[in-house]
Amino acid sequence: MSTNATNSENCTDSRTAGEAITNIRDLRRGDQVLFGDRSKPVTVVDLGTREFPVVNGEDQFIHLVKVHGDWANAKTYILGAQRSVWTGEAEGIICEQTGPVQALWRASEATA
């Protein structure tokens, strides 16, 4: 492997290790994650919150992360907590561009 290898080339797919992320707020800038059927990890490049109106309760803030790949022409995605508009209870994770995310996995550095 060349010394110019990107971080994404040095990561292992943790889907087999069972390291699923269930809460977006656990992510930090620089974390690498996989979602959907992706084979290359994307990197968390920004964090934020958004106000979320709840019909039967007080409005809440949901956590958001912006992720981007480390390769040419990579798309940027916004991932956030999916909540019930009626109760505000967490229902999973959603991608703003593609819809509900079945699972979000942390990509961990490969050990030599």
PDB file of N, CA and C in Angstrom:
ATOM      1  N   MET A   1       0.855  -1.172   0.000  1.00  0.00           N
ATOM      2  CA  MET A   1       0.000   0.000   0.000  1.00  0.00           C
ATOM      3  C   MET A   1       0.896   1.228   0.000  1.00  0.00           C
ATOM      4  N   SER A   2       0.528   2.239  -0.752  1.00  0.00           N
ATOM      5  CA  SER A   2       1.342   3.451  -0.836  1.00  0.00           C
ATOM      6  C   SER A   2       1.198   4.288   0.422  1.00  0.00           C
ATOM      7  N   THR A   3       2.142   5.196   0.610  1.00  0.00           N
ATOM      8  CA  THR A   3       2.084   6.071   1.779  1.00  0.00           C
ATOM      9  C   THR A   3       1.066   7.180   1.598  1.00  0.00           C
ATOM     10  N   ASN A   4       0.507   7.320   0.403  1.00  0.00           N
ATOM     11  CA  ASN A   4      -0.508   8.339   0.135  1.00  0.00           C
ATOM     12  C   ASN A   4      -1.918   7.809   0.334  1.00  0.00           C
ATOM     13  N   ALA A   5      -2.078   6.675   0.952  1.00  0.00           N
ATOM     14  CA  ALA A   5      -3.400   6.080   1.144  1.00  0.00           C
ATOM     15  C   ALA A   5      -4.262   6.982   2.011  1.00  0.00           C
ATOM     16  N   THR A   6      -5.522   7.100   1.645  1.00  0.00           N
ATOM     17  CA  THR A   6      -6.446   7.919   2.432  1.00  0.00           C
ATOM     18  C   THR A   6      -6.921   7.147   3.643  1.00  0.00           C
ATOM     19  N   ASN A   7      -7.480   7.864   4.609  1.00  0.00           N
ATOM     20  CA  ASN A   7      -8.021   7.208   5.796  1.00  0.00           C
ATOM     21  C   ASN A   7      -9.068   6.179   5.440  1.00  0.00           C
ATOM     22  N   SER A   8      -9.904   6.455   4.437  1.00  0.00           N
ATOM     23  CA  SER A   8     -10.968   5.522   4.103  1.00  0.00           C
ATOM     24  C   SER A   8     -10.416   4.205   3.588  1.00  0.00           C
ATOM     25  N   GLU A   9      -9.199   4.216   3.002  1.00  0.00           N
ATOM     26  CA  GLU A   9      -8.603   2.973   2.541  1.00  0.00           C
ATOM     27  C   GLU A   9      -8.043   2.164   3.702  1.00  0.00           C
ATOM     28  N   ASN A  10      -7.800   2.802   4.832  1.00  0.00           N
ATOM     29  CA  ASN A  10      -7.227   2.132   5.997  1.00  0.00           C
ATOM     30  C   ASN A  10      -8.289   1.742   7.023  1.00  0.00           C
ATOM     31  N   CYS A  11      -9.545   1.776   6.660  1.00  0.00           N
ATOM     32  CA  CYS A  11     -10.623   1.476   7.608  1.00  0.00           C
ATOM     33  C   CYS A  11     -11.219   0.109   7.332  1.00  0.00           C
ATOM     34  N   THR A  12     -11.704  -0.497   8.383  1.00  0.00           N
ATOM     35  CA  THR A  12     -12.383  -1.769   8.244  1.00  0.00           C
ATOM     36  C   THR A  12     -13.875  -1.565   8.403  1.00  0.00           C
ATOM     37  N   ASP A  13     -14.647  -2.447   7.845  1.00  0.00           N
ATOM     38  CA  ASP A  13     -16.098  -2.384   7.913  1.00  0.00           C
ATOM     39  C   ASP A  13     -16.537  -2.997   9.236  1.00  0.00           C
ATOM     40  N   SER A  14     -17.023  -2.183  10.157  1.00  0.00           N
ATOM     41  CA  SER A  14     -17.382  -2.677  11.486  1.00  0.00           C
ATOM     42  C   SER A  14     -18.782  -3.289  11.529  1.00  0.00           C
ATOM     43  N   ARG A  15     -19.459  -3.373  10.377  1.00  0.00           N
ATOM     44  CA  ARG A  15     -20.779  -3.998  10.384  1.00  0.00           C
ATOM     45  C   ARG A  15     -20.691  -5.422  10.907  1.00  0.00           C
ATOM     46  N   THR A  16     -19.568  -6.096  10.636  1.00  0.00           N
ATOM     47  CA  THR A  16     -19.401  -7.462  11.119  1.00  0.00           C
ATOM     48  C   THR A  16     -19.073  -7.499  12.603  1.00  0.00           C
ATOM     49  N   ALA A  17     -18.544  -6.395  13.135  1.00  0.00           N
ATOM     50  CA  ALA A  17     -18.187  -6.340  14.552  1.00  0.00           C
ATOM     51  C   ALA A  17     -19.364  -5.886  15.416  1.00  0.00           C
ATOM     52  N   GLY A  18     -20.461  -5.469  14.788  1.00  0.00           N
ATOM     53  CA  GLY A  18     -21.643  -5.072  15.543  1.00  0.00           C
ATOM     54  C   GLY A  18     -21.541  -3.728  16.211  1.00  0.00           C
ATOM     55  N   GLU A  19     -20.751  -2.801  15.660  1.00  0.00           N
ATOM     56  CA  GLU A  19     -20.579  -1.481  16.265  1.00  0.00           C
ATOM     57  C   GLU A  19     -21.560  -0.481  15.651  1.00  0.00           C
ATOM     58  N   ALA A  20     -22.830  -0.744  15.815  1.00  0.00           N
ATOM     59  CA  ALA A  20     -23.864   0.130  15.251  1.00  0.00           C
ATOM     60  C   ALA A  20     -23.999   1.403  16.073  1.00  0.00           C
ATOM     61  N   ILE A  21     -24.276   2.513  15.378  1.00  0.00           N
ATOM     62  CA  ILE A  21     -24.509   3.794  16.040  1.00  0.00           C
ATOM     63  C   ILE A  21     -26.013   4.006  16.076  1.00  0.00           C
ATOM     64  N   THR A  22     -26.554   4.205  17.252  1.00  0.00           N
ATOM     65  CA  THR A  22     -27.992   4.387  17.378  1.00  0.00           C
ATOM     66  C   THR A  22     -28.379   5.819  17.689  1.00  0.00           C
ATOM     67  N   ASN A  23     -27.395   6.651  18.004  1.00  0.00           N
ATOM     68  CA  ASN A  23     -27.687   8.036  18.346  1.00  0.00           C
ATOM     69  C   ASN A  23     -26.680   8.955  17.653  1.00  0.00           C
ATOM     70  N   ILE A  24     -27.177   9.825  16.801  1.00  0.00           N
ATOM     71  CA  ILE A  24     -26.345  10.761  16.044  1.00  0.00           C
ATOM     72  C   ILE A  24     -25.468  11.613  16.968  1.00  0.00           C
ATOM     73  N   ARG A  25     -25.950  11.945  18.143  1.00  0.00           N
ATOM     74  CA  ARG A  25     -25.180  12.837  19.018  1.00  0.00           C
ATOM     75  C   ARG A  25     -23.895  12.188  19.522  1.00  0.00           C
ATOM     76  N   ASP A  26     -23.718  10.875  19.318  1.00  0.00           N
ATOM     77  CA  ASP A  26     -22.486  10.190  19.711  1.00  0.00           C
ATOM     78  C   ASP A  26     -21.340  10.435  18.724  1.00  0.00           C
ATOM     79  N   LEU A  27     -21.629  11.019  17.570  1.00  0.00           N
ATOM     80  CA  LEU A  27     -20.606  11.246  16.550  1.00  0.00           C
ATOM     81  C   LEU A  27     -19.871  12.560  16.775  1.00  0.00           C
ATOM     82  N   ARG A  28     -18.617  12.618  16.330  1.00  0.00           N
ATOM     83  CA  ARG A  28     -17.772  13.803  16.430  1.00  0.00           C
ATOM     84  C   ARG A  28     -17.116  14.053  15.072  1.00  0.00           C
ATOM     85  N   ARG A  29     -16.671  15.286  14.844  1.00  0.00           N
ATOM     86  CA  ARG A  29     -15.942  15.596  13.607  1.00  0.00           C
ATOM     87  C   ARG A  29     -14.770  14.636  13.446  1.00  0.00           C
ATOM     88  N   GLY A  30     -14.604  14.145  12.229  1.00  0.00           N
ATOM     89  CA  GLY A  30     -13.511  13.226  11.947  1.00  0.00           C
ATOM     90  C   GLY A  30     -13.898  11.766  12.043  1.00  0.00           C
ATOM     91  N   ASP A  31     -15.017  11.443  12.705  1.00  0.00           N
ATOM     92  CA  ASP A  31     -15.472  10.052  12.762  1.00  0.00           C
ATOM     93  C   ASP A  31     -15.803   9.576  11.354  1.00  0.00           C
ATOM     94  N   GLN A  32     -15.533   8.303  11.081  1.00  0.00           N
ATOM     95  CA  GLN A  32     -15.872   7.730   9.791  1.00  0.00           C
ATOM     96  C   GLN A  32     -16.974   6.706   9.986  1.00  0.00           C
ATOM     97  N   VAL A  33     -17.999   6.784   9.118  1.00  0.00           N
ATOM     98  CA  VAL A  33     -19.176   5.931   9.256  1.00  0.00           C
ATOM     99  C   VAL A  33     -19.586   5.343   7.906  1.00  0.00           C
ATOM    100  N   LEU A  34     -20.340   4.270   7.989  1.00  0.00           N
ATOM    101  CA  LEU A  34     -20.968   3.637   6.830  1.00  0.00           C
ATOM    102  C   LEU A  34     -22.466   3.641   7.063  1.00  0.00           C
ATOM    103  N   PHE A  35     -23.239   3.843   6.017  1.00  0.00           N
ATOM    104  CA  PHE A  35     -24.687   3.699   6.131  1.00  0.00           C
ATOM    105  C   PHE A  35     -25.234   3.166   4.823  1.00  0.00           C
ATOM    106  N   GLY A  36     -26.402   2.552   4.903  1.00  0.00           N
ATOM    107  CA  GLY A  36     -26.976   1.935   3.716  1.00  0.00           C
ATOM    108  C   GLY A  36     -26.085   0.817   3.214  1.00  0.00           C
ATOM    109  N   ASP A  37     -25.916   0.751   1.895  1.00  0.00           N
ATOM    110  CA  ASP A  37     -25.089  -0.308   1.321  1.00  0.00           C
ATOM    111  C   ASP A  37     -23.701   0.206   0.918  1.00  0.00           C
ATOM    112  N   ARG A  38     -23.262   1.297   1.521  1.00  0.00           N
ATOM    113  CA  ARG A  38     -21.958   1.888   1.201  1.00  0.00           C
ATOM    114  C   ARG A  38     -20.827   0.930   1.530  1.00  0.00           C
ATOM    115  N   SER A  39     -19.802   0.931   0.673  1.00  0.00           N
ATOM    116  CA  SER A  39     -18.617   0.128   0.952  1.00  0.00           C
ATOM    117  C   SER A  39     -17.449   1.005   1.383  1.00  0.00           C
ATOM    118  N   LYS A  40     -17.503   2.307   1.076  1.00  0.00           N
ATOM    119  CA  LYS A  40     -16.473   3.255   1.513  1.00  0.00           C
ATOM    120  C   LYS A  40     -17.048   4.120   2.629  1.00  0.00           C
ATOM    121  N   PRO A  41     -16.277   4.321   3.686  1.00  0.00           N
ATOM    122  CA  PRO A  41     -16.771   5.179   4.765  1.00  0.00           C
ATOM    123  C   PRO A  41     -16.776   6.651   4.371  1.00  0.00           C
ATOM    124  N   VAL A  42     -17.696   7.387   4.961  1.00  0.00           N
ATOM    125  CA  VAL A  42     -17.744   8.844   4.814  1.00  0.00           C
ATOM    126  C   VAL A  42     -17.343   9.450   6.151  1.00  0.00           C
ATOM    127  N   THR A  43     -16.823  10.667   6.107  1.00  0.00           N
ATOM    128  CA  THR A  43     -16.297  11.333   7.298  1.00  0.00           C
ATOM    129  C   THR A  43     -17.246  12.412   7.790  1.00  0.00           C
ATOM    130  N   VAL A  44     -17.445  12.477   9.102  1.00  0.00           N
ATOM    131  CA  VAL A  44     -18.247  13.543   9.704  1.00  0.00           C
ATOM    132  C   VAL A  44     -17.453  14.840   9.587  1.00  0.00           C
ATOM    133  N   VAL A  45     -18.019  15.831   8.873  1.00  0.00           N
ATOM    134  CA  VAL A  45     -17.314  17.100   8.664  1.00  0.00           C
ATOM    135  C   VAL A  45     -17.951  18.264   9.414  1.00  0.00           C
ATOM    136  N   ASP A  46     -19.175  18.103   9.905  1.00  0.00           N
ATOM    137  CA  ASP A  46     -19.819  19.181  10.648  1.00  0.00           C
ATOM    138  C   ASP A  46     -20.914  18.605  11.534  1.00  0.00           C
ATOM    139  N   LEU A  47     -21.203  19.308  12.626  1.00  0.00           N
ATOM    140  CA  LEU A  47     -22.237  18.921  13.584  1.00  0.00           C
ATOM    141  C   LEU A  47     -23.205  20.079  13.746  1.00  0.00           C
ATOM    142  N   GLY A  48     -24.450  19.782  14.076  1.00  0.00           N
ATOM    143  CA  GLY A  48     -25.407  20.851  14.303  1.00  0.00           C
ATOM    144  C   GLY A  48     -26.678  20.350  14.947  1.00  0.00           C
ATOM    145  N   THR A  49     -27.615  21.262  15.111  1.00  0.00           N
ATOM    146  CA  THR A  49     -28.941  20.933  15.630  1.00  0.00           C
ATOM    147  C   THR A  49     -29.974  21.689  14.810  1.00  0.00           C
ATOM    148  N   ARG A  50     -31.191  21.229  14.877  1.00  0.00           N
ATOM    149  CA  ARG A  50     -32.307  21.865  14.200  1.00  0.00           C
ATOM    150  C   ARG A  50     -33.520  21.759  15.110  1.00  0.00           C
ATOM    151  N   GLU A  51     -34.321  22.813  15.147  1.00  0.00           N
ATOM    152  CA  GLU A  51     -35.544  22.773  15.951  1.00  0.00           C
ATOM    153  C   GLU A  51     -36.540  21.850  15.270  1.00  0.00           C
ATOM    154  N   PHE A  52     -37.217  21.044  16.074  1.00  0.00           N
ATOM    155  CA  PHE A  52     -38.176  20.074  15.574  1.00  0.00           C
ATOM    156  C   PHE A  52     -39.515  20.291  16.275  1.00  0.00           C
ATOM    157  N   PRO A  53     -40.543  20.706  15.530  1.00  0.00           N
ATOM    158  CA  PRO A  53     -41.852  20.935  16.152  1.00  0.00           C
ATOM    159  C   PRO A  53     -42.554  19.622  16.490  1.00  0.00           C
ATOM    160  N   VAL A  54     -43.136  19.557  17.688  1.00  0.00           N
ATOM    161  CA  VAL A  54     -43.863  18.376  18.152  1.00  0.00           C
ATOM    162  C   VAL A  54     -45.309  18.783  18.392  1.00  0.00           C
ATOM    163  N   VAL A  55     -46.257  18.038  17.831  1.00  0.00           N
ATOM    164  CA  VAL A  55     -47.678  18.374  17.937  1.00  0.00           C
ATOM    165  C   VAL A  55     -48.176  18.276  19.377  1.00  0.00           C
ATOM    166  N   ASN A  56     -47.895  17.168  20.061  1.00  0.00           N
ATOM    167  CA  ASN A  56     -48.411  16.941  21.413  1.00  0.00           C
ATOM    168  C   ASN A  56     -47.348  17.151  22.483  1.00  0.00           C
ATOM    169  N   GLY A  57     -46.605  18.239  22.413  1.00  0.00           N
ATOM    170  CA  GLY A  57     -45.568  18.502  23.407  1.00  0.00           C
ATOM    171  C   GLY A  57     -44.731  19.695  23.010  1.00  0.00           C
ATOM    172  N   GLU A  58     -43.671  19.893  23.764  1.00  0.00           N
ATOM    173  CA  GLU A  58     -42.771  21.015  23.502  1.00  0.00           C
ATOM    174  C   GLU A  58     -41.873  20.699  22.310  1.00  0.00           C
ATOM    175  N   ASP A  59     -41.554  21.738  21.536  1.00  0.00           N
ATOM    176  CA  ASP A  59     -40.621  21.569  20.432  1.00  0.00           C
ATOM    177  C   ASP A  59     -39.282  21.085  20.986  1.00  0.00           C
ATOM    178  N   GLN A  60     -38.553  20.339  20.163  1.00  0.00           N
ATOM    179  CA  GLN A  60     -37.272  19.780  20.571  1.00  0.00           C
ATOM    180  C   GLN A  60     -36.202  20.167  19.566  1.00  0.00           C
ATOM    181  N   PHE A  61     -34.954  19.923  19.920  1.00  0.00           N
ATOM    182  CA  PHE A  61     -33.855  20.074  18.992  1.00  0.00           C
ATOM    183  C   PHE A  61     -33.373  18.679  18.611  1.00  0.00           C
ATOM    184  N   ILE A  62     -33.119  18.470  17.326  1.00  0.00           N
ATOM    185  CA  ILE A  62     -32.557  17.203  16.889  1.00  0.00           C
ATOM    186  C   ILE A  62     -31.106  17.429  16.478  1.00  0.00           C
ATOM    187  N   HIS A  63     -30.284  16.423  16.684  1.00  0.00           N
ATOM    188  CA  HIS A  63     -28.875  16.485  16.324  1.00  0.00           C
ATOM    189  C   HIS A  63     -28.713  16.103  14.856  1.00  0.00           C
ATOM    190  N   LEU A  64     -27.782  16.787  14.188  1.00  0.00           N
ATOM    191  CA  LEU A  64     -27.498  16.551  12.775  1.00  0.00           C
ATOM    192  C   LEU A  64     -25.997  16.397  12.581  1.00  0.00           C
ATOM    193  N   VAL A  65     -25.612  15.619  11.579  1.00  0.00           N
ATOM    194  CA  VAL A  65     -24.209  15.547  11.164  1.00  0.00           C
ATOM    195  C   VAL A  65     -24.148  15.641   9.651  1.00  0.00           C
ATOM    196  N   LYS A  66     -23.131  16.352   9.162  1.00  0.00           N
ATOM    197  CA  LYS A  66     -22.855  16.423   7.732  1.00  0.00           C
ATOM    198  C   LYS A  66     -21.698  15.474   7.466  1.00  0.00           C
ATOM    199  N   VAL A  67     -21.871  14.566   6.509  1.00  0.00           N
ATOM    200  CA  VAL A  67     -20.818  13.604   6.172  1.00  0.00           C
ATOM    201  C   VAL A  67     -20.448  13.759   4.701  1.00  0.00           C
ATOM    202  N   HIS A  68     -19.172  13.458   4.413  1.00  0.00           N
ATOM    203  CA  HIS A  68     -18.661  13.606   3.053  1.00  0.00           C
ATOM    204  C   HIS A  68     -17.558  12.579   2.841  1.00  0.00           C
ATOM    205  N   GLY A  69     -17.486  12.035   1.624  1.00  0.00           N
ATOM    206  CA  GLY A  69     -16.432  11.083   1.288  1.00  0.00           C
ATOM    207  C   GLY A  69     -15.107  11.773   0.990  1.00  0.00           C
ATOM    208  N   ASP A  70     -14.026  11.021   1.127  1.00  0.00           N
ATOM    209  CA  ASP A  70     -12.678  11.549   0.885  1.00  0.00           C
ATOM    210  C   ASP A  70     -12.177  11.221  -0.520  1.00  0.00           C
ATOM    211  N   TRP A  71     -13.048  11.200  -1.507  1.00  0.00           N
ATOM    212  CA  TRP A  71     -12.657  10.883  -2.874  1.00  0.00           C
ATOM    213  C   TRP A  71     -13.290  11.893  -3.827  1.00  0.00           C
ATOM    214  N   ALA A  72     -12.794  11.930  -5.049  1.00  0.00           N
ATOM    215  CA  ALA A  72     -13.293  12.877  -6.050  1.00  0.00           C
ATOM    216  C   ALA A  72     -14.777  12.648  -6.314  1.00  0.00           C
ATOM    217  N   ASN A  73     -15.520  13.721  -6.468  1.00  0.00           N
ATOM    218  CA  ASN A  73     -16.958  13.698  -6.776  1.00  0.00           C
ATOM    219  C   ASN A  73     -17.824  13.051  -5.693  1.00  0.00           C
ATOM    220  N   ALA A  74     -17.324  12.962  -4.474  1.00  0.00           N
ATOM    221  CA  ALA A  74     -18.113  12.389  -3.375  1.00  0.00           C
ATOM    222  C   ALA A  74     -19.261  13.339  -3.032  1.00  0.00           C
ATOM    223  N   LYS A  75     -20.403  12.774  -2.709  1.00  0.00           N
ATOM    224  CA  LYS A  75     -21.563  13.570  -2.318  1.00  0.00           C
ATOM    225  C   LYS A  75     -21.520  13.880  -0.829  1.00  0.00           C
ATOM    226  N   THR A  76     -22.198  14.946  -0.459  1.00  0.00           N
ATOM    227  CA  THR A  76     -22.349  15.324   0.939  1.00  0.00           C
ATOM    228  C   THR A  76     -23.758  14.934   1.375  1.00  0.00           C
ATOM    229  N   TYR A  77     -23.870  14.360   2.565  1.00  0.00           N
ATOM    230  CA  TYR A  77     -25.157  13.938   3.107  1.00  0.00           C
ATOM    231  C   TYR A  77     -25.352  14.555   4.488  1.00  0.00           C
ATOM    232  N   ILE A  78     -26.599  14.801   4.839  1.00  0.00           N
ATOM    233  CA  ILE A  78     -26.970  15.272   6.174  1.00  0.00           C
ATOM    234  C   ILE A  78     -27.751  14.142   6.847  1.00  0.00           C
ATOM    235  N   LEU A  79     -27.252  13.685   7.984  1.00  0.00           N
ATOM    236  CA  LEU A  79     -27.917  12.642   8.764  1.00  0.00           C
ATOM    237  C   LEU A  79     -28.459  13.262  10.038  1.00  0.00           C
ATOM    238  N   GLY A  80     -29.634  12.810  10.458  1.00  0.00           N
ATOM    239  CA  GLY A  80     -30.224  13.342  11.674  1.00  0.00           C
ATOM    240  C   GLY A  80     -31.074  12.315  12.387  1.00  0.00           C
ATOM    241  N   ALA A  81     -31.459  12.665  13.586  1.00  0.00           N
ATOM    242  CA  ALA A  81     -32.356  11.816  14.359  1.00  0.00           C
ATOM    243  C   ALA A  81     -33.753  11.911  13.762  1.00  0.00           C
ATOM    244  N   GLN A  82     -34.381  10.771  13.543  1.00  0.00           N
ATOM    245  CA  GLN A  82     -35.753  10.752  13.052  1.00  0.00           C
ATOM    246  C   GLN A  82     -36.669  10.654  14.268  1.00  0.00           C
ATOM    247  N   ARG A  83     -37.640  11.573  14.345  1.00  0.00           N
ATOM    248  CA  ARG A  83     -38.538  11.623  15.504  1.00  0.00           C
ATOM    249  C   ARG A  83     -39.987  11.614  15.061  1.00  0.00           C
ATOM    250  N   SER A  84     -40.852  11.192  15.968  1.00  0.00           N
ATOM    251  CA  SER A  84     -42.288  11.241  15.736  1.00  0.00           C
ATOM    252  C   SER A  84     -42.760  12.679  15.844  1.00  0.00           C
ATOM    253  N   VAL A  85     -43.463  13.163  14.846  1.00  0.00           N
ATOM    254  CA  VAL A  85     -43.987  14.527  14.874  1.00  0.00           C
ATOM    255  C   VAL A  85     -45.060  14.672  15.964  1.00  0.00           C
ATOM    256  N   TRP A  86     -45.687  13.567  16.365  1.00  0.00           N
ATOM    257  CA  TRP A  86     -46.755  13.607  17.375  1.00  0.00           C
ATOM    258  C   TRP A  86     -46.216  13.626  18.792  1.00  0.00           C
ATOM    259  N   THR A  87     -45.179  12.812  19.058  1.00  0.00           N
ATOM    260  CA  THR A  87     -44.693  12.687  20.441  1.00  0.00           C
ATOM    261  C   THR A  87     -43.268  13.196  20.635  1.00  0.00           C
ATOM    262  N   GLY A  88     -42.503  13.315  19.556  1.00  0.00           N
ATOM    263  CA  GLY A  88     -41.111  13.723  19.656  1.00  0.00           C
ATOM    264  C   GLY A  88     -40.171  12.577  19.989  1.00  0.00           C
ATOM    265  N   GLU A  89     -40.694  11.365  20.135  1.00  0.00           N
ATOM    266  CA  GLU A  89     -39.856  10.222  20.490  1.00  0.00           C
ATOM    267  C   GLU A  89     -38.991   9.797  19.315  1.00  0.00           C
ATOM    268  N   ALA A  90     -37.776   9.343  19.640  1.00  0.00           N
ATOM    269  CA  ALA A  90     -36.824   8.898  18.618  1.00  0.00           C
ATOM    270  C   ALA A  90     -37.360   7.677  17.887  1.00  0.00           C
ATOM    271  N   GLU A  91     -37.214   7.696  16.565  1.00  0.00           N
ATOM    272  CA  GLU A  91     -37.670   6.580  15.741  1.00  0.00           C
ATOM    273  C   GLU A  91     -36.557   6.027  14.862  1.00  0.00           C
ATOM    274  N   GLY A  92     -35.349   6.549  14.990  1.00  0.00           N
ATOM    275  CA  GLY A  92     -34.243   6.056  14.183  1.00  0.00           C
ATOM    276  C   GLY A  92     -33.397   7.191  13.646  1.00  0.00           C
ATOM    277  N   ILE A  93     -32.748   6.927  12.516  1.00  0.00           N
ATOM    278  CA  ILE A  93     -31.878   7.897  11.867  1.00  0.00           C
ATOM    279  C   ILE A  93     -32.365   8.086  10.438  1.00  0.00           C
ATOM    280  N   ILE A  94     -32.288   9.316   9.957  1.00  0.00           N
ATOM    281  CA  ILE A  94     -32.745   9.619   8.607  1.00  0.00           C
ATOM    282  C   ILE A  94     -31.666  10.404   7.864  1.00  0.00           C
ATOM    283  N   CYS A  95     -31.565  10.155   6.563  1.00  0.00           N
ATOM    284  CA  CYS A  95     -30.673  10.913   5.703  1.00  0.00           C
ATOM    285  C   CYS A  95     -31.546  11.898   4.935  1.00  0.00           C
ATOM    286  N   GLU A  96     -31.190  13.171   4.998  1.00  0.00           N
ATOM    287  CA  GLU A  96     -31.982  14.213   4.354  1.00  0.00           C
ATOM    288  C   GLU A  96     -32.120  13.981   2.842  1.00  0.00           C
ATOM    289  N   GLN A  97     -31.110  13.408   2.216  1.00  0.00           N
ATOM    290  CA  GLN A  97     -31.125  13.223   0.775  1.00  0.00           C
ATOM    291  C   GLN A  97     -31.739  11.899   0.323  1.00  0.00           C
ATOM    292  N   THR A  98     -31.671  10.855   1.154  1.00  0.00           N
ATOM    293  CA  THR A  98     -32.110   9.537   0.695  1.00  0.00           C
ATOM    294  C   THR A  98     -33.230   8.904   1.515  1.00  0.00           C
ATOM    295  N   GLY A  99     -33.547   9.452   2.681  1.00  0.00           N
ATOM    296  CA  GLY A  99     -34.622   8.895   3.503  1.00  0.00           C
ATOM    297  C   GLY A  99     -34.104   8.105   4.694  1.00  0.00           C
ATOM    298  N   PRO A 100     -34.969   7.254   5.268  1.00  0.00           N
ATOM    299  CA  PRO A 100     -34.599   6.512   6.483  1.00  0.00           C
ATOM    300  C   PRO A 100     -33.334   5.675   6.287  1.00  0.00           C
ATOM    301  N   VAL A 101     -32.502   5.647   7.334  1.00  0.00           N
ATOM    302  CA  VAL A 101     -31.270   4.858   7.338  1.00  0.00           C
ATOM    303  C   VAL A 101     -31.530   3.626   8.187  1.00  0.00           C
ATOM    304  N   GLN A 102     -31.395   2.458   7.579  1.00  0.00           N
ATOM    305  CA  GLN A 102     -31.651   1.221   8.319  1.00  0.00           C
ATOM    306  C   GLN A 102     -30.628   1.004   9.427  1.00  0.00           C
ATOM    307  N   ALA A 103     -29.365   1.333   9.145  1.00  0.00           N
ATOM    308  CA  ALA A 103     -28.315   1.175  10.150  1.00  0.00           C
ATOM    309  C   ALA A 103     -27.164   2.120   9.830  1.00  0.00           C
ATOM    310  N   LEU A 104     -26.509   2.573  10.871  1.00  0.00           N
ATOM    311  CA  LEU A 104     -25.341   3.440  10.757  1.00  0.00           C
ATOM    312  C   LEU A 104     -24.231   2.761  11.547  1.00  0.00           C
ATOM    313  N   TRP A 105     -23.087   2.581  10.891  1.00  0.00           N
ATOM    314  CA  TRP A 105     -21.984   1.831  11.490  1.00  0.00           C
ATOM    315  C   TRP A 105     -20.736   2.681  11.554  1.00  0.00           C
ATOM    316  N   ARG A 106     -19.960   2.545  12.605  1.00  0.00           N
ATOM    317  CA  ARG A 106     -18.678   3.227  12.734  1.00  0.00           C
ATOM    318  C   ARG A 106     -17.631   2.426  11.962  1.00  0.00           C
ATOM    319  N   ALA A 107     -16.856   3.115  11.129  1.00  0.00           N
ATOM    320  CA  ALA A 107     -15.736   2.494  10.430  1.00  0.00           C
ATOM    321  C   ALA A 107     -14.516   2.699  11.310  1.00  0.00           C
ATOM    322  N   SER A 108     -13.856   1.625  11.683  1.00  0.00           N
ATOM    323  CA  SER A 108     -12.720   1.744  12.599  1.00  0.00           C
ATOM    324  C   SER A 108     -11.419   1.553  11.831  1.00  0.00           C
ATOM    325  N   GLU A 109     -10.364   2.149  12.366  1.00  0.00           N
ATOM    326  CA  GLU A 109      -9.054   2.028  11.740  1.00  0.00           C
ATOM    327  C   GLU A 109      -8.609   0.571  11.727  1.00  0.00           C
ATOM    328  N   ALA A 110      -8.062   0.144  10.613  1.00  0.00           N
ATOM    329  CA  ALA A 110      -7.547  -1.220  10.507  1.00  0.00           C
ATOM    330  C   ALA A 110      -6.288  -1.326  11.359  1.00  0.00           C
ATOM    331  N   THR A 111      -6.138  -2.436  12.021  1.00  0.00           N
ATOM    332  CA  THR A 111      -4.928  -2.639  12.812  1.00  0.00           C
ATOM    333  C   THR A 111      -3.905  -3.378  11.965  1.00  0.00           C
ATOM    334  N   ALA A 112      -2.653  -2.969  12.081  1.00  0.00           N
ATOM    335  CA  ALA A 112      -1.595  -3.571  11.270  1.00  0.00           C
ATOM    336  C   ALA A 112      -1.064  -4.813  11.913  1.00  0.00           C
TER     337      ALA A 112
END
